[in-house]
Amino acid sequence: MTIWEAIILGIVEGLTEYLPVSSTGHLIITRYLLQLSDGDAQKAFEICIQGGAILAVLGIYFQRVKAIFTDTATWLRTRKEANAPQELPAGMRLALNMIIGFLPAAVIGVILSQYIKGYLFNAPVVTTMWALGGLVILLYVRARKKSGKGFRGKSLEELSYSGALKVGFMQCIAMCPGVSRSLMTMLGGLCAGLSVSAAVEFSFLLGLITLGAATAHDAYEYGHAMITDIGWGPIIAGTLTAWVSSIIAVKWMVGYLNKHSLAIFGWYRIAAACVMLGLILFAGLAF
């Protein structure tokens, strides 16, 4: 892999990781178009450059992440001093919700990861999931508009533990390539009663744990092969470009969804699925 190829993959990763369009699907297509291998080192690279996307969200939501640690430290200190149970502060409740939301993926991912990698990482599956995801978005937007809910809903501080668990199980559906982790966690948050802005923020914050765990796992298991086969230059270049493009994508999306629905992403997914289907039927695309 050249540095320029790594930069292209980093841009694709950063722009699509937090948008509800499936970064995995886009990376699979990009890898095919660049005629790169699909070995363990390559797949690990595509996971590990998520580190750039993680850093982007950490920077944008630094105050929220900082509150998690300060509230937890304060609660532990005051509880010890008072020697009695106290109500959990907002930052600590958010941290617990993030952990609860991550647990289903941690368990189900371990059980199904080999099956998913062996049987679902292919063009027909990605195409189908892009199209189905697009239809789900459009149907949900239509239903929400009819209900009159608009952008309203609970704040992030009002998310219950059962609501966080619901988001966590929705996230598991996104293990199938082409579905989109961001899409399922946003829809999960909305189904749990969150406002659009709160659902988007919880999706991003939950990604810190989920993507961080996936990155750490693949870096540990395939890190040596990745460094040997790809080298430090492309890894650093891909991570940096993923970081920059993630900042751009997240800031744009937050601003966009404060005024508009998710419908544009539904139409995009359907259009992408049509293009992919054309490539499969007429250009012999297969991977």
Protein backbone atom coordinates (compact mmCIF):
# COMPACT_ATOMS: atom_id res chain seq x y z
CA MET A 1 0.00 0.00 0.00
CA THR A 2 1.29 3.46 -0.92
CA ILE A 3 0.87 6.53 1.26
CA TRP A 4 -1.57 7.99 -1.28
CA GLU A 5 -3.73 4.86 -1.10
CA ALA A 6 -3.64 5.10 2.70
CA ILE A 7 -4.72 8.75 2.51
CA ILE A 8 -7.66 7.83 0.27
CA LEU A 9 -8.75 5.10 2.70
CA GLY A 10 -8.33 7.52 5.62
CA ILE A 11 -10.54 10.12 3.95
CA VAL A 12 -13.21 7.52 3.19
CA GLU A 13 -13.06 6.22 6.77
CA GLY A 14 -13.25 9.68 8.32
CA LEU A 15 -16.10 10.93 6.15
CA THR A 16 -18.26 7.82 6.55
CA GLU A 17 -17.54 6.52 10.07
CA TYR A 18 -20.04 8.74 11.86
CA LEU A 19 -22.47 9.29 9.00
CA PRO A 20 -25.28 6.67 8.73
CA VAL A 21 -23.96 5.30 5.44
CA SER A 22 -21.64 2.45 6.57
CA SER A 23 -17.91 3.12 6.63
CA THR A 24 -17.23 -0.63 6.32
CA GLY A 25 -19.15 -0.85 3.07
CA HIS A 26 -17.36 2.18 1.64
CA LEU A 27 -13.96 0.84 2.67
CA ILE A 28 -14.67 -2.54 1.08
CA ILE A 29 -15.58 -0.83 -2.19
CA THR A 30 -12.60 1.52 -2.02
CA ARG A 31 -10.23 -1.40 -1.37
CA TYR A 32 -11.61 -3.19 -4.40
CA LEU A 33 -11.32 -0.11 -6.67
CA LEU A 34 -7.71 0.45 -5.52
CA GLN A 35 -7.04 -3.26 -6.14
CA LEU A 36 -5.66 -3.79 -2.64
CA SER A 37 -5.47 -7.17 -0.95
CA ASP A 38 -8.11 -8.33 1.50
CA GLY A 39 -5.73 -10.07 3.89
CA ASP A 40 -5.64 -9.73 7.67
CA ALA A 41 -3.11 -6.87 7.58
CA GLN A 42 -5.28 -4.84 5.19
CA LYS A 43 -8.46 -5.43 7.17
CA ALA A 44 -6.65 -4.56 10.41
CA PHE A 45 -5.42 -1.33 8.81
CA GLU A 46 -8.99 -0.37 7.94
CA ILE A 47 -10.01 -0.97 11.55
CA CYS A 48 -7.01 0.71 13.16
CA ILE A 49 -7.31 3.98 11.23
CA GLN A 50 -10.57 4.35 13.16
CA GLY A 51 -8.23 5.70 15.83
CA GLY A 52 -8.23 8.97 13.92
CA ALA A 53 -12.03 9.09 13.98
CA ILE A 54 -11.99 8.36 17.72
CA LEU A 55 -9.59 11.24 18.36
CA ALA A 56 -11.87 13.55 16.35
CA VAL A 57 -14.88 12.81 18.57
CA LEU A 58 -12.76 13.06 21.71
CA GLY A 59 -11.74 16.54 20.66
CA ILE A 60 -15.20 17.72 19.65
CA TYR A 61 -16.88 16.32 22.78
CA PHE A 62 -13.96 16.93 25.13
CA GLN A 63 -16.06 18.75 27.72
CA ARG A 64 -18.60 15.92 27.81
CA VAL A 65 -15.86 13.29 28.20
CA LYS A 66 -14.12 15.42 30.81
CA ALA A 67 -17.38 15.64 32.80
CA ILE A 68 -17.56 11.84 32.89
CA PHE A 69 -14.21 11.60 34.67
CA THR A 70 -14.66 14.61 36.95
CA ASP A 71 -18.18 13.59 38.00
CA THR A 72 -17.04 10.04 38.69
CA ALA A 73 -14.04 11.19 40.73
CA THR A 74 -16.19 13.65 42.70
CA TRP A 75 -18.87 11.04 43.41
CA LEU A 76 -16.34 8.50 44.64
CA ARG A 77 -14.66 11.06 46.88
CA THR A 78 -17.87 12.47 48.42
CA ARG A 79 -19.38 9.01 48.84
CA LYS A 80 -16.33 7.89 50.77
CA GLU A 81 -16.41 11.00 52.92
CA ALA A 82 -20.15 10.79 53.58
CA ASN A 83 -20.00 7.00 53.96
CA ALA A 84 -23.46 6.71 52.44
CA PRO A 85 -24.94 6.10 48.97
CA GLN A 86 -25.55 9.21 46.87
CA GLU A 87 -27.36 9.88 43.61
CA LEU A 88 -25.14 9.38 40.58
CA PRO A 89 -24.10 12.63 38.85
CA ALA A 90 -24.94 13.17 35.15
CA GLY A 91 -21.45 12.36 33.89
CA MET A 92 -21.33 9.07 35.74
CA ARG A 93 -24.80 8.06 34.53
CA LEU A 94 -23.69 8.80 30.97
CA ALA A 95 -20.60 6.62 31.46
CA LEU A 96 -22.76 3.74 32.72
CA ASN A 97 -25.11 4.14 29.76
CA MET A 98 -22.16 4.00 27.38
CA ILE A 99 -20.90 0.80 29.03
CA ILE A 100 -24.40 -0.74 28.98
CA GLY A 101 -24.77 0.21 25.31
CA PHE A 102 -21.44 -1.44 24.50
CA LEU A 103 -22.04 -4.77 26.29
CA PRO A 104 -24.32 -6.43 23.69
CA ALA A 105 -21.79 -5.80 20.93
CA ALA A 106 -18.96 -7.07 23.13
CA VAL A 107 -20.75 -10.39 23.73
CA ILE A 108 -22.38 -10.93 20.34
CA GLY A 109 -19.29 -9.70 18.48
CA VAL A 110 -17.11 -12.37 20.08
CA ILE A 111 -19.63 -15.08 19.18
CA LEU A 112 -20.30 -14.04 15.58
CA SER A 113 -17.15 -12.23 14.44
CA GLN A 114 -15.66 -15.16 12.50
CA TYR A 115 -18.96 -15.93 10.78
CA ILE A 116 -19.46 -12.28 9.82
CA LYS A 117 -15.95 -11.92 8.39
CA GLY A 118 -16.17 -15.24 6.58
CA TYR A 119 -19.61 -14.96 4.98
CA LEU A 120 -20.92 -11.38 5.01
CA PHE A 121 -18.04 -9.27 3.69
CA ASN A 122 -19.08 -9.29 0.03
CA ALA A 123 -20.64 -7.03 -2.59
CA PRO A 124 -24.20 -8.49 -2.60
CA VAL A 125 -24.52 -8.17 1.19
CA VAL A 126 -23.22 -4.58 1.22
CA THR A 127 -25.54 -3.64 -1.66
CA THR A 128 -28.57 -5.19 0.03
CA MET A 129 -27.85 -3.56 3.39
CA TRP A 130 -27.29 -0.15 1.79
CA ALA A 131 -30.69 -0.36 0.10
CA LEU A 132 -32.54 -1.74 3.13
CA GLY A 133 -30.93 0.84 5.41
CA GLY A 134 -31.98 3.61 3.05
CA LEU A 135 -35.58 2.38 3.03
CA VAL A 136 -35.59 2.12 6.83
CA ILE A 137 -34.39 5.72 7.13
CA LEU A 138 -37.05 7.03 4.74
CA LEU A 139 -39.83 5.06 6.41
CA TYR A 140 -38.72 6.18 9.87
CA VAL A 141 -38.51 9.84 8.81
CA ARG A 142 -42.00 9.60 7.34
CA ALA A 143 -43.41 7.96 10.49
CA ARG A 144 -41.73 10.50 12.78
CA LYS A 145 -43.07 13.38 10.69
CA LYS A 146 -46.61 11.96 10.88
CA SER A 147 -46.30 11.58 14.65
CA GLY A 148 -45.46 15.27 14.97
CA LYS A 149 -42.37 14.61 17.12
CA GLY A 150 -40.01 16.53 14.85
CA PHE A 151 -36.66 17.05 16.59
CA ARG A 152 -38.11 16.83 20.11
CA GLY A 153 -37.34 14.17 22.70
CA LYS A 154 -35.44 13.46 25.89
CA SER A 155 -32.06 14.97 26.64
CA LEU A 156 -28.98 12.79 26.95
CA GLU A 157 -29.18 13.11 30.75
CA GLU A 158 -32.67 11.56 30.68
CA LEU A 159 -31.64 8.38 28.86
CA SER A 160 -32.54 5.35 30.98
CA TYR A 161 -30.38 2.27 31.42
CA SER A 162 -32.97 0.19 29.54
CA GLY A 163 -32.88 2.76 26.73
CA ALA A 164 -29.09 2.47 26.54
CA LEU A 165 -29.41 -1.32 26.35
CA LYS A 166 -31.88 -0.93 23.49
CA VAL A 167 -29.33 1.19 21.63
CA GLY A 168 -26.72 -1.48 22.34
CA PHE A 169 -28.77 -4.26 20.76
CA MET A 170 -29.55 -2.05 17.77
CA GLN A 171 -25.81 -1.50 17.39
CA CYS A 172 -25.30 -5.26 17.02
CA ILE A 173 -27.30 -5.26 13.78
CA ALA A 174 -24.58 -3.05 12.31
CA MET A 175 -22.06 -5.88 12.57
CA CYS A 176 -23.35 -6.84 9.14
CA PRO A 177 -21.31 -4.78 6.63
CA GLY A 178 -23.33 -2.12 4.87
CA VAL A 179 -25.76 -1.52 7.75
CA SER A 180 -23.89 1.32 9.56
CA ARG A 181 -23.19 1.46 13.28
CA SER A 182 -24.07 5.16 13.35
CA LEU A 183 -27.43 4.54 11.69
CA MET A 184 -28.49 1.82 14.11
CA THR A 185 -27.35 3.65 17.24
CA MET A 186 -29.07 6.87 16.12
CA LEU A 187 -32.30 5.01 15.39
CA GLY A 188 -31.90 3.16 18.68
CA GLY A 189 -31.56 6.46 20.54
CA LEU A 190 -34.62 7.87 18.79
CA CYS A 191 -36.61 4.73 19.60
CA ALA A 192 -35.50 5.15 23.23
CA GLY A 193 -37.14 8.58 23.20
CA LEU A 194 -34.11 10.82 22.75
CA SER A 195 -34.25 14.01 20.73
CA VAL A 196 -32.45 13.98 17.39
CA SER A 197 -29.45 15.93 18.74
CA ALA A 198 -29.19 13.70 21.85
CA ALA A 199 -29.45 10.50 19.76
CA VAL A 200 -26.67 11.73 17.47
CA GLU A 201 -24.45 12.67 20.41
CA PHE A 202 -24.97 9.35 22.18
CA SER A 203 -24.18 7.52 18.94
CA PHE A 204 -20.87 9.39 18.68
CA LEU A 205 -19.97 8.86 22.35
CA LEU A 206 -20.87 5.15 22.29
CA GLY A 207 -18.57 4.86 19.28
CA LEU A 208 -15.65 5.86 21.49
CA ILE A 209 -15.94 2.56 23.36
CA THR A 210 -17.09 0.34 20.48
CA LEU A 211 -14.60 1.59 17.91
CA GLY A 212 -11.87 1.83 20.56
CA ALA A 213 -12.35 -1.82 21.51
CA ALA A 214 -12.31 -2.95 17.86
CA THR A 215 -9.19 -0.90 17.16
CA ALA A 216 -7.37 -2.24 20.22
CA HIS A 217 -8.35 -5.84 19.38
CA ASP A 218 -7.13 -5.73 15.79
CA ALA A 219 -4.00 -3.76 16.67
CA TYR A 220 -3.10 -6.42 19.25
CA GLU A 221 -3.95 -9.42 17.06
CA TYR A 222 -2.71 -8.21 13.67
CA GLY A 223 -0.48 -5.26 14.58
CA HIS A 224 2.80 -7.00 13.73
CA ALA A 225 1.52 -8.21 10.35
CA MET A 226 0.09 -4.76 9.61
CA ILE A 227 3.39 -3.01 10.34
CA THR A 228 5.38 -5.61 8.40
CA ASP A 229 3.13 -5.68 5.32
CA ILE A 230 2.00 -2.05 5.20
CA GLY A 231 4.57 -0.03 7.18
CA TRP A 232 4.35 2.92 9.56
CA GLY A 233 4.11 5.59 6.84
CA PRO A 234 0.72 4.53 5.41
CA ILE A 235 -0.63 3.75 8.91
CA ILE A 236 0.19 7.25 10.17
CA ALA A 237 -1.04 8.90 6.96
CA GLY A 238 -4.34 6.98 7.04
CA THR A 239 -4.94 7.75 10.72
CA LEU A 240 -4.22 11.47 10.33
CA THR A 241 -6.49 11.87 7.32
CA ALA A 242 -9.22 9.89 9.09
CA TRP A 243 -8.89 12.31 12.03
CA VAL A 244 -9.17 15.45 9.89
CA SER A 245 -12.01 14.18 7.70
CA SER A 246 -13.92 12.91 10.76
CA ILE A 247 -13.83 16.37 12.32
CA ILE A 248 -15.28 17.83 9.13
CA ALA A 249 -17.96 15.12 8.84
CA VAL A 250 -19.06 15.24 12.49
CA LYS A 251 -19.33 19.03 12.63
CA TRP A 252 -21.24 19.12 9.36
CA MET A 253 -23.61 16.35 10.43
CA VAL A 254 -24.40 17.90 13.83
CA GLY A 255 -25.22 21.20 12.17
CA TYR A 256 -27.24 19.55 9.39
CA LEU A 257 -29.36 17.35 11.64
CA ASN A 258 -30.24 20.29 13.89
CA LYS A 259 -32.31 21.61 10.96
CA HIS A 260 -32.98 18.64 8.67
CA SER A 261 -34.06 15.00 8.88
CA LEU A 262 -32.07 11.87 8.09
CA ALA A 263 -33.81 11.55 4.72
CA ILE A 264 -30.80 12.67 2.65
CA PHE A 265 -28.83 9.70 3.96
CA GLY A 266 -31.64 7.33 3.03
CA TRP A 267 -31.64 8.57 -0.57
CA TYR A 268 -27.84 8.44 -0.67
CA ARG A 269 -27.80 4.81 0.48
CA ILE A 270 -30.36 3.79 -2.13
CA ALA A 271 -28.40 5.59 -4.87
CA ALA A 272 -25.16 3.91 -3.71
CA ALA A 273 -26.89 0.53 -3.75
CA CYS A 274 -28.07 1.13 -7.33
CA VAL A 275 -24.54 2.04 -8.45
CA MET A 276 -23.17 -1.05 -6.71
CA LEU A 277 -25.79 -3.28 -8.29
CA GLY A 278 -24.87 -1.89 -11.71
CA LEU A 279 -21.20 -2.67 -11.08
CA ILE A 280 -22.06 -6.22 -10.01
CA LEU A 281 -24.29 -6.90 -13.02
CA PHE A 282 -22.43 -5.08 -15.78
CA ALA A 283 -18.84 -4.71 -14.64
CA GLY A 284 -18.42 -8.08 -12.94
CA LEU A 285 -17.72 -6.57 -9.52
CA ALA A 286 -17.10 -9.33 -6.99
CA PHE A 287 -15.20 -9.56 -3.71
